[in-house]
Amino acid sequence: MCDDDPSLLAFPDLPDEAVIALHDLLERVTICFENRYFTQLRRIYYTPPSTYNPGQPPPACNPDQQILPFDDPPF
């Protein structure tokens, strides 16, 4: 988004401490959001390969990550 047209968002100069604090805040918010809405995000952004076996994780997945069903209700 920012790389497409840098004039869309004008970022002010910030001290190093403020940059780190904002980055940490945005990272925590993103992680909490992704954890809360993981199933819905996965349902939209991840399409299993045609040879997907629900009992086995796809090759590109982290083996420690739990595989959830695609038809899991959002709430």
Protein backbone atom coordinates (compact mmCIF):
# COMPACT_ATOMS: atom_id res chain seq x y z
CA MET A 1 0.00 0.00 0.00
CA CYS A 2 2.62 2.55 1.02
CA ASP A 3 4.92 1.55 -1.83
CA ASP A 4 2.24 2.24 -4.44
CA ASP A 5 1.88 5.95 -3.70
CA PRO A 6 3.95 7.36 -0.82
CA SER A 7 1.95 10.60 -0.88
CA LEU A 8 -1.14 8.77 0.43
CA LEU A 9 0.31 8.65 3.94
CA ALA A 10 2.55 11.42 5.16
CA PHE A 11 4.56 10.06 8.08
CA PRO A 12 6.16 12.63 10.39
CA ASP A 13 9.71 12.27 11.64
CA LEU A 14 9.67 10.50 14.99
CA PRO A 15 12.29 9.81 17.62
CA ASP A 16 13.64 6.24 17.70
CA GLU A 17 11.77 5.43 20.92
CA ALA A 18 8.43 6.48 19.40
CA VAL A 19 9.06 4.39 16.28
CA ILE A 20 9.79 1.32 18.40
CA ALA A 21 6.76 1.93 20.65
CA LEU A 22 4.42 2.35 17.66
CA HIS A 23 5.85 -0.70 15.93
CA ASP A 24 5.39 -2.82 19.06
CA LEU A 25 1.82 -1.59 19.49
CA LEU A 26 0.89 -2.29 15.87
CA GLU A 27 2.51 -5.71 16.05
CA ARG A 28 0.58 -6.62 19.22
CA VAL A 29 -2.72 -5.40 17.75
CA THR A 30 -2.07 -7.37 14.55
CA ILE A 31 -1.21 -10.55 16.46
CA CYS A 32 -4.29 -10.25 18.69
CA PHE A 33 -6.50 -9.61 15.64
CA GLU A 34 -5.04 -12.57 13.73
CA ASN A 35 -5.38 -14.86 16.75
CA ARG A 36 -9.01 -13.84 17.28
CA TYR A 37 -10.08 -14.11 13.62
CA PHE A 38 -7.67 -16.84 12.46
CA THR A 39 -10.31 -19.19 11.10
CA GLN A 40 -12.08 -16.48 9.11
CA LEU A 41 -8.82 -15.11 7.70
CA ARG A 42 -7.65 -18.59 6.79
CA ARG A 43 -10.95 -19.41 5.11
CA ILE A 44 -10.57 -16.36 2.82
CA TYR A 45 -6.80 -16.22 2.21
CA TYR A 46 -5.83 -19.89 2.11
CA THR A 47 -6.98 -22.24 -0.61
CA PRO A 48 -5.85 -25.80 -0.04
CA PRO A 49 -4.09 -27.56 -2.91
CA SER A 50 -6.19 -30.04 -4.88
CA THR A 51 -4.24 -32.90 -3.29
CA TYR A 52 -4.90 -31.60 0.25
CA ASN A 53 -5.30 -34.37 2.81
CA PRO A 54 -7.10 -33.00 5.92
CA GLY A 55 -5.18 -35.41 8.14
CA GLN A 56 -1.79 -34.07 7.06
CA PRO A 57 -0.55 -30.46 7.10
CA PRO A 58 0.19 -28.95 3.68
CA PRO A 59 3.95 -28.99 2.92
CA ALA A 60 4.36 -25.21 3.33
CA CYS A 61 2.71 -25.16 6.79
CA ASN A 62 4.54 -24.98 10.06
CA PRO A 63 4.23 -28.51 11.50
CA ASP A 64 3.50 -27.03 14.94
CA GLN A 65 0.46 -25.12 13.66
CA GLN A 66 -2.90 -26.74 14.26
CA ILE A 67 -4.91 -27.49 11.12
CA LEU A 68 -8.49 -26.26 11.47
CA PRO A 69 -11.46 -27.23 9.32
CA PHE A 70 -12.53 -24.74 6.65
CA ASP A 71 -16.20 -25.03 7.58
CA ASP A 72 -15.60 -23.97 11.19
CA PRO A 73 -18.26 -21.38 12.16
CA PRO A 74 -16.84 -17.91 12.91
CA PHE A 75 -18.23 -17.79 16.47
